Amino acid sequence: MNVYPLEFRLGPLHVTGFGLMMMLAFLVTGWLAGLELKRRGLNEAYASDCLMGAVIGGIVGAKLWYVALTGSSPFSTGGFVWYGGFLGGVVGVALVGMAKRVPLRWTMHIVGPVLAAGYAVGRVGCFLVGDDYGRPTDVPWAVRFPQGMPPSTAGNLQGFRVSIPEGTHPATVLAVHPTQLYEVVIMLAVFAWMWPRRKRTDWGLGSMFPLYLMFAGAERFVMEILRAKDDRFLGPFTIAQATSVLLVVTGAALFAQLRGAGDVDPGAYLRTVPQA
């Protein structure tokens, strides 16, 4: 099956599937966070505050990580890396929480489950533009990206240090693993598991975020095995896998520390519920 980029123009605006899905991912996370705040009888406006911090921090972090990896200009179009966006978004949301005097553990608990849903939606955007695909395969659900970023041609895949059948013309478009969709399915399952467990009290307030770190790190580590990548700096291992290990270890340590830690006061801002 061939998959072509979803893109169109609205006057001077160039709209892509990636941009649409990224916008939807932020909206979904903000909506879900608002639902949880409402359930707890807390200030739903904090969801919008965190969303703004995540958008600004995520975009800046994703771009800076890409610049650090490639040495390209920070003012170039395109070029964003998920881990940079994630770390930048975390910093942005944490700064918003500090400004509002919201205890960090409350922020961690609110955003933990919704991050999995947002990640799943965002990965749909990667599929719609033919980015972050996997290695060549002959599985029935394999896809070709003739106009991907870059196209899944034999020449481009060789540039990713992927083994190509001898004699294959460099311009041949090969079928590859749709790793973007694998991640969508996995992270939706993670969200479905985490969402009802946000109500547990025995794990300690804030435990949802380290749980997400462990799931996200483990999922990405495994998925990198199938990805077509050129940054395998230690044998078969990529930079993303090294970062994944750090996420899992950090998440496990935080979860162990928070488990059974009990509750904390949400602070004046979260307790202030605007009157309708």
Protein backbone atom coordinates (compact mmCIF):
# COMPACT_ATOMS: atom_id res chain seq x y z
CA MET A 1 0.00 0.00 0.00
CA ASN A 2 1.27 3.45 -0.90
CA VAL A 3 0.72 6.30 1.56
CA TYR A 4 1.04 9.88 0.35
CA PRO A 5 1.39 12.97 2.54
CA LEU A 6 -1.81 14.62 3.69
CA GLU A 7 -1.38 18.29 2.89
CA PHE A 8 -3.42 21.12 1.43
CA ARG A 9 -3.54 24.90 1.31
CA LEU A 10 -5.98 27.30 2.90
CA GLY A 11 -5.11 30.54 1.18
CA PRO A 12 -1.52 31.32 2.21
CA LEU A 13 -1.47 28.56 4.83
CA HIS A 14 0.18 25.21 4.07
CA VAL A 15 -1.61 22.64 6.21
CA THR A 16 -0.08 19.18 6.79
CA GLY A 17 -1.35 16.05 8.45
CA PHE A 18 1.45 16.36 10.98
CA GLY A 19 0.43 19.88 11.94
CA LEU A 20 -3.22 18.90 12.25
CA MET A 21 -2.45 15.90 14.44
CA MET A 22 -0.06 17.86 16.65
CA MET A 23 -2.76 20.47 17.22
CA LEU A 24 -5.27 17.72 17.96
CA ALA A 25 -2.81 16.03 20.33
CA PHE A 26 -2.46 19.20 22.40
CA LEU A 27 -6.23 19.73 22.42
CA VAL A 28 -6.89 16.14 23.52
CA THR A 29 -4.40 16.35 26.38
CA GLY A 30 -5.85 19.67 27.52
CA TRP A 31 -9.39 18.32 27.38
CA LEU A 32 -8.54 15.17 29.34
CA ALA A 33 -6.62 17.15 31.95
CA GLY A 34 -9.64 19.43 32.31
CA LEU A 35 -11.89 16.41 32.86
CA GLU A 36 -9.69 15.18 35.68
CA LEU A 37 -9.54 18.60 37.33
CA LYS A 38 -13.33 18.86 37.10
CA ARG A 39 -13.75 15.39 38.62
CA ARG A 40 -11.66 16.45 41.57
CA GLY A 41 -13.51 19.75 41.95
CA LEU A 42 -10.41 21.79 41.08
CA ASN A 43 -9.74 24.76 38.83
CA GLU A 44 -10.19 23.54 35.25
CA ALA A 45 -8.33 26.60 33.93
CA TYR A 46 -5.10 24.94 35.00
CA ALA A 47 -5.47 22.54 32.06
CA SER A 48 -5.28 25.49 29.64
CA ASP A 49 -2.33 26.92 31.55
CA CYS A 50 -0.42 23.64 31.26
CA LEU A 51 -1.38 23.33 27.59
CA MET A 52 0.17 26.71 26.82
CA GLY A 53 3.36 25.78 28.66
CA ALA A 54 3.51 22.44 26.84
CA VAL A 55 3.03 24.02 23.40
CA ILE A 56 5.71 26.67 23.83
CA GLY A 57 8.17 24.46 25.67
CA GLY A 58 7.53 21.51 23.36
CA ILE A 59 8.15 23.44 20.15
CA VAL A 60 11.30 25.10 21.49
CA GLY A 61 12.65 21.85 22.96
CA ALA A 62 11.93 19.80 19.81
CA LYS A 63 13.71 22.36 17.64
CA LEU A 64 16.74 22.75 19.92
CA TRP A 65 17.19 18.97 20.17
CA TYR A 66 17.09 18.71 16.37
CA VAL A 67 19.64 21.51 16.03
CA ALA A 68 21.92 19.79 18.55
CA LEU A 69 21.70 16.49 16.67
CA THR A 70 22.13 17.83 13.14
CA GLY A 71 23.98 21.14 13.52
CA SER A 72 21.37 22.86 11.35
CA SER A 73 20.17 26.42 11.79
CA PRO A 74 17.57 26.94 14.53
CA PHE A 75 15.70 29.15 12.04
CA SER A 76 15.35 26.42 9.39
CA THR A 77 11.88 25.14 8.55
CA GLY A 78 10.95 21.68 9.81
CA GLY A 79 13.19 19.53 11.94
CA PHE A 80 11.69 18.53 15.27
CA VAL A 81 12.64 15.66 17.59
CA TRP A 82 10.09 14.07 19.92
CA TYR A 83 12.37 13.65 22.93
CA GLY A 84 13.38 17.30 22.72
CA GLY A 85 9.74 18.27 22.51
CA PHE A 86 8.87 16.08 25.46
CA LEU A 87 11.60 17.47 27.69
CA GLY A 88 10.85 21.03 26.60
CA GLY A 89 7.16 20.49 27.28
CA VAL A 90 7.93 19.11 30.75
CA VAL A 91 9.99 22.20 31.55
CA GLY A 92 7.26 24.47 30.18
CA VAL A 93 4.51 22.84 32.23
CA ALA A 94 6.69 22.79 35.37
CA LEU A 95 7.37 26.53 35.01
CA VAL A 96 3.65 27.21 34.63
CA GLY A 97 2.99 25.20 37.79
CA MET A 98 5.65 27.16 39.67
CA ALA A 99 4.16 30.45 38.51
CA LYS A 100 0.70 29.37 39.72
CA ARG A 101 2.13 27.91 42.95
CA VAL A 102 0.68 24.49 42.14
CA PRO A 103 2.54 21.66 43.92
CA LEU A 104 4.59 19.68 41.40
CA ARG A 105 3.05 16.39 42.50
CA TRP A 106 -0.41 17.62 41.52
CA THR A 107 0.83 18.60 38.08
CA MET A 108 2.54 15.22 37.66
CA HIS A 109 -0.62 13.34 38.59
CA ILE A 110 -2.89 15.37 36.31
CA VAL A 111 -0.73 15.20 33.18
CA GLY A 112 0.63 11.65 33.51
CA PRO A 113 -2.18 9.65 31.87
CA VAL A 114 -3.08 12.27 29.27
CA LEU A 115 0.46 12.32 27.86
CA ALA A 116 -0.04 8.78 26.55
CA ALA A 117 -3.17 9.81 24.66
CA GLY A 118 -1.48 12.90 23.25
CA TYR A 119 1.52 10.90 22.09
CA ALA A 120 -0.72 8.41 20.28
CA VAL A 121 -2.55 11.17 18.42
CA GLY A 122 0.71 12.89 17.50
CA ARG A 123 2.15 9.71 15.98
CA VAL A 124 -0.78 9.60 13.56
CA GLY A 125 0.61 12.84 12.17
CA CYS A 126 3.98 11.20 11.56
CA PHE A 127 2.23 8.48 9.55
CA LEU A 128 0.28 11.03 7.52
CA VAL A 129 3.48 12.71 6.31
CA GLY A 130 5.60 9.56 5.96
CA ASP A 131 8.06 10.29 8.75
CA ASP A 132 9.65 7.99 11.36
CA TYR A 133 8.87 4.76 9.54
CA GLY A 134 10.53 1.39 10.03
CA ARG A 135 12.76 -1.05 8.22
CA PRO A 136 11.79 -2.86 5.00
CA THR A 137 9.44 -5.78 5.52
CA ASP A 138 7.06 -8.08 3.68
CA VAL A 139 4.35 -8.25 6.36
CA PRO A 140 0.81 -7.87 4.93
CA TRP A 141 0.33 -4.44 6.51
CA ALA A 142 3.61 -2.98 5.21
CA VAL A 143 3.34 0.44 3.56
CA ARG A 144 5.35 2.48 1.06
CA PHE A 145 6.00 6.19 1.39
CA PRO A 146 6.83 7.41 -2.16
CA GLN A 147 6.79 11.04 -1.00
CA GLY A 148 7.68 10.52 2.64
CA MET A 149 10.13 12.50 4.76
CA PRO A 150 12.25 11.09 3.21
CA PRO A 151 10.68 8.69 0.69
CA SER A 152 11.15 5.03 1.63
CA THR A 153 13.45 4.34 -1.32
CA ALA A 154 16.28 1.82 -1.28
CA GLY A 155 18.78 4.66 -1.51
CA ASN A 156 17.38 6.53 1.47
CA LEU A 157 17.11 3.36 3.54
CA GLN A 158 20.74 2.54 2.79
CA GLY A 159 21.52 5.99 4.16
CA PHE A 160 19.91 4.79 7.38
CA ARG A 161 22.34 1.85 7.30
CA VAL A 162 19.53 -0.60 6.60
CA SER A 163 20.32 -3.78 4.68
CA ILE A 164 18.81 -3.75 1.18
CA PRO A 165 18.58 -6.76 -1.18
CA GLU A 166 21.57 -6.75 -3.51
CA GLY A 167 20.83 -5.30 -6.93
CA THR A 168 17.91 -3.14 -5.77
CA HIS A 169 17.85 0.16 -7.66
CA PRO A 170 18.29 3.14 -5.30
CA ALA A 171 15.08 4.74 -6.58
CA THR A 172 12.94 1.69 -5.79
CA VAL A 173 10.28 2.51 -3.20
CA LEU A 174 10.27 -0.25 -0.58
CA ALA A 175 7.52 -1.37 1.78
CA VAL A 176 8.39 -0.73 5.44
CA HIS A 177 7.03 -1.28 8.92
CA PRO A 178 4.45 1.44 9.78
CA THR A 179 6.10 1.93 13.16
CA GLN A 180 4.12 5.13 13.68
CA LEU A 181 0.90 3.10 13.82
CA TYR A 182 2.48 0.51 16.10
CA GLU A 183 3.19 3.33 18.55
CA VAL A 184 -0.36 4.66 18.22
CA VAL A 185 -1.81 1.29 19.22
CA ILE A 186 0.64 0.74 22.07
CA MET A 187 0.22 4.18 23.62
CA LEU A 188 -3.57 4.06 23.34
CA ALA A 189 -3.40 0.80 25.28
CA VAL A 190 -1.15 2.49 27.86
CA PHE A 191 -3.64 5.34 28.19
CA ALA A 192 -6.54 2.87 28.56
CA TRP A 193 -4.62 1.15 31.38
CA MET A 194 -3.54 4.34 33.16
CA TRP A 195 -6.73 6.40 32.94
CA PRO A 196 -8.87 4.40 35.40
CA ARG A 197 -5.88 3.96 37.73
CA ARG A 198 -5.48 7.70 38.22
CA LYS A 199 -8.08 7.33 41.00
CA ARG A 200 -5.90 5.03 43.09
CA THR A 201 -4.74 6.50 46.37
CA ASP A 202 -2.26 3.82 47.48
CA TRP A 203 0.31 4.75 44.79
CA GLY A 204 0.72 8.30 46.06
CA LEU A 205 -0.16 11.60 44.44
CA GLY A 206 2.11 12.26 41.46
CA SER A 207 2.72 8.61 40.60
CA MET A 208 1.00 8.86 37.21
CA PHE A 209 3.89 10.78 35.65
CA PRO A 210 6.66 8.32 36.54
CA LEU A 211 4.39 5.52 35.33
CA TYR A 212 4.14 7.30 31.99
CA LEU A 213 7.92 7.72 31.88
CA MET A 214 8.40 3.98 32.30
CA PHE A 215 5.83 3.03 29.68
CA ALA A 216 6.99 5.65 27.16
CA GLY A 217 10.65 4.78 27.60
CA ALA A 218 10.07 1.03 27.26
CA GLU A 219 7.82 1.46 24.22
CA ARG A 220 10.28 3.71 22.42
CA PHE A 221 13.25 1.46 23.22
CA VAL A 222 11.53 -1.53 21.63
CA MET A 223 10.23 0.46 18.65
CA GLU A 224 13.69 1.75 17.80
CA ILE A 225 14.66 -1.83 16.94
CA LEU A 226 12.29 -1.66 13.97
CA ARG A 227 12.93 1.97 13.04
CA ALA A 228 15.03 3.04 10.05
CA LYS A 229 17.60 5.19 11.85
CA ASP A 230 21.11 6.49 11.18
CA ASP A 231 22.07 7.42 14.75
CA ARG A 232 23.06 3.98 16.05
CA PHE A 233 26.04 5.16 18.03
CA LEU A 234 26.71 1.97 20.04
CA GLY A 235 26.35 -1.05 17.80
CA PRO A 236 22.61 -1.46 17.12
CA PHE A 237 21.55 1.06 19.78
CA THR A 238 20.30 4.58 18.97
CA ILE A 239 20.46 7.86 20.86
CA ALA A 240 16.71 7.56 21.44
CA GLN A 241 17.24 4.17 23.10
CA ALA A 242 19.83 5.63 25.45
CA THR A 243 17.34 8.37 26.35
CA SER A 244 14.63 5.72 26.78
CA VAL A 245 16.71 3.86 29.34
CA LEU A 246 17.14 7.09 31.31
CA LEU A 247 13.38 7.66 31.24
CA VAL A 248 12.64 4.16 32.52
CA VAL A 249 15.20 4.40 35.31
CA THR A 250 14.03 7.89 36.31
CA GLY A 251 10.39 6.79 36.24
CA ALA A 252 11.06 3.72 38.35
CA ALA A 253 12.98 5.73 40.95
CA LEU A 254 10.26 8.40 41.15
CA PHE A 255 7.47 5.83 41.38
CA ALA A 256 9.25 4.02 44.22
CA GLN A 257 9.69 7.31 46.05
CA LEU A 258 6.07 8.42 45.59
CA ARG A 259 4.34 5.11 46.22
CA GLY A 260 2.42 5.38 49.44
CA ALA A 261 3.49 9.02 49.89
CA GLY A 262 -0.10 10.13 50.39
CA ASP A 263 -1.71 13.40 49.36
CA VAL A 264 -0.65 17.05 49.42
CA ASP A 265 -2.67 20.26 49.54
CA PRO A 266 -3.44 21.44 45.97
CA GLY A 267 -2.79 25.08 46.80
CA ALA A 268 -4.90 28.21 46.46
CA TYR A 269 -4.92 28.35 42.65
CA LEU A 270 -6.25 24.84 42.11
CA ARG A 271 -8.81 25.26 44.90
CA THR A 272 -10.15 28.42 43.27
CA VAL A 273 -12.99 27.23 41.05
CA PRO A 274 -14.41 30.08 38.91
CA GLN A 275 -18.13 30.64 39.32
CA ALA A 276 -20.26 29.91 36.26
